[in-house]
Amino acid sequence: MNIPYIDIHTHNTVISEDVISVPGMFLQELDFQSEIVSPFSAAIHPWHARKFTLKEVTGMLNNLVRQPGLIAIGETGLDKACTTDYRAQKALFDLHVEFAHKYHKPLILHVVKSWNDLIGYLGHINVPFIVHGYSEGVELTKQLIDLGCYFSLGKSVFGILPRFREAIQIIPISTLFIETDDSKVKIEEIYQEVAKITDISLDDLKIQINKNFSAFFSDQILNMNKK
């Protein structure tokens, strides 16, 4: 049986029979004149929060949610490491969450040095959410597990810090995803490293992440098949 690799969040174009890729698209770059039928996510990235008014973003989101391939809104979130006005980021994030709730779409979250603020948000988010590019320690991981978080691991698994290795080992395997994001590292290599860290076979890891994908996006895949 050929078990595909699933790359849950990528900004790279990969065509392979062995990989299911979910592109994370910048909402402002989408052409709404054509339909996207394969799975993807999209949002206005927090870095771009000051480039558009909330009215403009609302218009783009109204067009986005009509796309048959949309399975998640994201990446969206908060980033204190960038220079974009933080209040603008918060207002933009609120808008994305509002649309996610209204249209029952999961969220893919971008979080940098903003965990104290995000933890407050997460208790009020009523749709499933994945923190992409996760690389935090044990205590925060425990909090996020209690909040029902899903975790996507990327290139940070290489040259891993002990605190992050410990965190990965307590993440329930049923809440785990793997991604390439914008890196040039192959998804196969990241899977192999995660398999070593979690001490499970590569095939078992692939099987589990396929199960996670089907469970997490079950409603979205069902809606896609209806269209």
Protein backbone atom coordinates (compact mmCIF):
# COMPACT_ATOMS: atom_id res chain seq x y z
CA MET A 1 0.00 0.00 0.00
CA ASN A 2 1.37 3.41 -0.99
CA ILE A 3 0.84 5.72 1.99
CA PRO A 4 1.17 9.37 0.93
CA TYR A 5 3.11 11.98 2.83
CA ILE A 6 0.88 14.91 3.82
CA ASP A 7 2.44 18.37 3.82
CA ILE A 8 -0.18 20.30 5.77
CA HIS A 9 1.22 23.78 5.10
CA THR A 10 3.55 24.76 2.29
CA HIS A 11 4.46 27.77 0.19
CA ASN A 12 6.28 25.58 -2.31
CA THR A 13 4.94 23.93 -5.45
CA VAL A 14 5.49 20.18 -5.34
CA ILE A 15 4.01 17.76 -7.87
CA SER A 16 4.38 14.20 -6.65
CA GLU A 17 2.17 11.14 -6.50
CA ASP A 18 3.68 10.40 -3.09
CA VAL A 19 2.84 13.77 -1.47
CA ILE A 20 -0.46 15.47 -0.70
CA SER A 21 0.37 19.17 -0.33
CA VAL A 22 -1.92 21.81 1.14
CA PRO A 23 -0.71 25.18 -0.17
CA GLY A 24 -0.94 28.10 2.23
CA MET A 25 -1.82 31.01 -0.03
CA PHE A 26 -1.71 34.76 0.48
CA LEU A 27 -5.32 35.83 0.11
CA GLN A 28 -4.47 39.03 -1.76
CA GLU A 29 -2.76 37.02 -4.52
CA LEU A 30 -5.72 34.77 -5.35
CA ASP A 31 -7.53 35.07 -8.67
CA PHE A 32 -11.21 34.83 -7.82
CA GLN A 33 -12.13 34.51 -11.49
CA SER A 34 -11.24 30.82 -11.40
CA GLU A 35 -12.11 28.00 -9.02
CA ILE A 36 -9.54 26.22 -6.88
CA VAL A 37 -10.79 22.67 -6.46
CA SER A 38 -7.78 21.06 -4.74
CA PRO A 39 -7.31 21.52 -0.98
CA PHE A 40 -5.71 24.79 0.12
CA SER A 41 -5.76 27.39 2.89
CA ALA A 42 -5.58 31.18 2.56
CA ALA A 43 -5.62 34.36 4.63
CA ILE A 44 -4.02 37.75 4.98
CA HIS A 45 -0.76 37.03 6.80
CA PRO A 46 -0.19 39.06 9.99
CA TRP A 47 2.86 40.63 8.33
CA HIS A 48 0.51 42.21 5.77
CA ALA A 49 -2.07 43.52 8.25
CA ARG A 50 -1.46 47.20 7.41
CA LYS A 51 -1.67 46.74 3.65
CA PHE A 52 -5.45 46.44 3.54
CA THR A 53 -8.46 47.91 5.32
CA LEU A 54 -10.75 45.56 7.19
CA LYS A 55 -13.44 46.36 4.61
CA GLU A 56 -11.10 45.21 1.82
CA VAL A 57 -10.23 42.03 3.71
CA THR A 58 -13.92 41.33 4.34
CA GLY A 59 -14.55 41.50 0.60
CA MET A 60 -11.68 39.12 -0.11
CA LEU A 61 -12.85 36.69 2.58
CA ASN A 62 -16.39 36.73 1.14
CA ASN A 63 -14.92 35.60 -2.17
CA LEU A 64 -12.58 33.12 -0.51
CA VAL A 65 -15.25 31.13 1.31
CA ARG A 66 -16.95 30.37 -2.04
CA GLN A 67 -13.88 28.48 -3.26
CA PRO A 68 -14.61 24.72 -3.29
CA GLY A 69 -11.05 23.74 -2.34
CA LEU A 70 -10.82 25.91 0.78
CA ILE A 71 -10.30 23.62 3.77
CA ALA A 72 -8.87 26.12 6.28
CA ILE A 73 -8.42 29.83 6.89
CA GLY A 74 -4.78 30.65 7.45
CA GLU A 75 -2.17 31.29 8.11
CA THR A 76 -3.45 33.94 10.46
CA GLY A 77 -2.44 34.98 13.95
CA LEU A 78 -0.15 37.33 15.85
CA ASP A 79 3.55 38.11 15.46
CA LYS A 80 5.43 40.41 17.83
CA ALA A 81 8.72 39.80 16.03
CA CYS A 82 7.66 41.69 12.91
CA THR A 83 7.27 45.45 12.50
CA THR A 84 3.60 45.40 11.50
CA ASP A 85 1.37 47.31 13.93
CA TYR A 86 0.19 44.84 16.58
CA ARG A 87 -3.27 46.38 16.96
CA ALA A 88 -3.81 45.99 13.24
CA GLN A 89 -2.76 42.35 13.53
CA LYS A 90 -5.28 41.78 16.32
CA ALA A 91 -8.11 43.37 14.36
CA LEU A 92 -7.22 41.29 11.30
CA PHE A 93 -7.03 38.11 13.37
CA ASP A 94 -10.46 38.83 14.90
CA LEU A 95 -11.89 39.12 11.39
CA HIS A 96 -10.39 35.81 10.28
CA VAL A 97 -11.74 34.08 13.38
CA GLU A 98 -15.17 35.59 12.75
CA PHE A 99 -15.23 34.12 9.23
CA ALA A 100 -13.91 30.77 10.46
CA HIS A 101 -16.79 30.57 12.94
CA LYS A 102 -19.40 31.71 10.44
CA TYR A 103 -18.38 29.23 7.74
CA HIS A 104 -17.15 26.43 10.02
CA LYS A 105 -13.60 26.47 8.69
CA PRO A 106 -10.57 25.33 10.71
CA LEU A 107 -7.76 27.80 11.36
CA ILE A 108 -4.04 27.52 10.65
CA LEU A 109 -2.27 29.78 13.14
CA HIS A 110 0.96 31.74 12.88
CA VAL A 111 2.22 32.65 16.35
CA VAL A 112 5.52 34.39 17.14
CA LYS A 113 6.28 35.77 20.63
CA SER A 114 2.55 36.27 21.16
CA TRP A 115 1.56 33.26 23.19
CA ASN A 116 0.19 35.14 26.19
CA ASP A 117 -2.27 36.95 23.93
CA LEU A 118 -3.07 33.88 21.83
CA ILE A 119 -3.85 31.68 24.81
CA GLY A 120 -6.61 34.14 25.69
CA TYR A 121 -8.05 33.87 22.19
CA LEU A 122 -7.89 30.10 21.95
CA GLY A 123 -10.34 29.47 24.76
CA HIS A 124 -13.00 31.26 22.69
CA ILE A 125 -12.28 29.72 19.29
CA ASN A 126 -15.02 27.24 18.41
CA VAL A 127 -13.41 25.67 15.35
CA PRO A 128 -10.45 23.27 15.16
CA PHE A 129 -7.04 24.95 14.89
CA ILE A 130 -3.47 23.98 13.99
CA VAL A 131 -0.43 25.91 15.18
CA HIS A 132 1.93 25.71 12.24
CA GLY A 133 5.73 25.64 12.54
CA TYR A 134 5.50 24.68 16.20
CA SER A 135 8.76 24.75 18.20
CA GLU A 136 7.92 25.54 21.83
CA GLY A 137 8.61 23.91 25.19
CA VAL A 138 6.80 21.50 27.47
CA GLU A 139 4.79 23.88 29.69
CA LEU A 140 3.23 25.80 26.80
CA THR A 141 2.62 22.53 24.96
CA LYS A 142 0.66 21.19 27.93
CA GLN A 143 -1.53 24.32 27.92
CA LEU A 144 -2.18 24.00 24.22
CA ILE A 145 -3.01 20.30 24.50
CA ASP A 146 -5.61 21.18 27.15
CA LEU A 147 -7.09 23.74 24.73
CA GLY A 148 -7.51 21.12 21.99
CA CYS A 149 -4.66 22.35 19.81
CA TYR A 150 -3.23 20.48 16.83
CA PHE A 151 0.49 20.89 16.13
CA SER A 152 2.36 21.06 12.82
CA LEU A 153 6.11 20.42 12.88
CA GLY A 154 8.54 21.68 10.26
CA LYS A 155 12.22 22.27 9.70
CA SER A 156 12.75 23.14 13.39
CA VAL A 157 12.95 19.42 14.16
CA PHE A 158 16.53 19.49 12.84
CA GLY A 159 19.20 20.60 15.31
CA ILE A 160 16.44 20.34 17.86
CA LEU A 161 16.66 21.90 21.34
CA PRO A 162 16.12 19.52 24.28
CA ARG A 163 13.02 21.45 25.47
CA PHE A 164 11.42 21.09 22.05
CA ARG A 165 12.29 17.38 21.83
CA GLU A 166 10.57 16.85 25.20
CA ALA A 167 7.54 18.80 23.98
CA ILE A 168 7.22 16.71 20.82
CA GLN A 169 7.28 13.57 22.91
CA ILE A 170 4.23 14.64 24.94
CA ILE A 171 2.15 15.79 21.95
CA PRO A 172 -0.62 13.22 21.33
CA ILE A 173 0.18 11.56 18.02
CA SER A 174 -3.49 12.02 17.04
CA THR A 175 -2.95 15.82 17.02
CA LEU A 176 0.24 15.87 14.94
CA PHE A 177 0.89 17.20 11.43
CA ILE A 178 4.07 17.84 9.43
CA GLU A 179 4.88 20.70 7.04
CA THR A 180 7.56 22.24 4.86
CA ASP A 181 6.27 25.84 5.09
CA ASP A 182 8.69 27.96 2.99
CA SER A 183 11.76 25.76 3.53
CA LYS A 184 13.56 23.79 0.83
CA VAL A 185 13.76 20.71 3.04
CA LYS A 186 11.82 17.80 1.58
CA ILE A 187 8.73 16.64 3.44
CA GLU A 188 10.12 13.10 3.41
CA GLU A 189 13.18 14.23 5.38
CA ILE A 190 11.08 15.97 8.02
CA TYR A 191 8.90 12.86 8.41
CA GLN A 192 12.01 10.73 8.90
CA GLU A 193 13.30 13.04 11.63
CA VAL A 194 9.93 13.18 13.43
CA ALA A 195 9.73 9.38 13.30
CA LYS A 196 13.10 9.20 15.08
CA ILE A 197 12.08 11.72 17.74
CA THR A 198 8.74 10.04 18.44
CA ASP A 199 10.25 6.56 18.23
CA ILE A 200 7.70 5.17 15.79
CA SER A 201 8.23 3.70 12.35
CA LEU A 202 8.01 5.93 9.30
CA ASP A 203 5.08 3.94 7.91
CA ASP A 204 3.19 4.14 11.19
CA LEU A 205 3.77 7.89 11.30
CA LYS A 206 2.48 8.29 7.75
CA ILE A 207 -0.60 6.18 8.52
CA GLN A 208 -1.34 8.22 11.65
CA ILE A 209 -1.00 11.59 9.93
CA ASN A 210 -3.27 10.40 7.14
CA LYS A 211 -5.82 9.49 9.82
CA ASN A 212 -5.35 12.89 11.47
CA PHE A 213 -5.90 14.64 8.15
CA SER A 214 -9.10 12.71 7.44
CA ALA A 215 -10.45 13.35 10.94
CA PHE A 216 -9.47 17.02 11.23
CA PHE A 217 -10.78 17.99 7.79
CA SER A 218 -13.67 15.51 7.56
CA ASP A 219 -16.35 18.20 7.20
CA GLN A 220 -14.31 20.16 4.67
CA ILE A 221 -13.59 17.09 2.51
CA LEU A 222 -17.27 16.09 2.66
CA ASN A 223 -18.29 19.56 1.47
CA MET A 224 -15.72 19.45 -1.33
CA ASN A 225 -17.11 16.13 -2.55
CA LYS A 226 -20.62 17.59 -2.64
CA LYS A 227 -19.60 20.47 -4.94
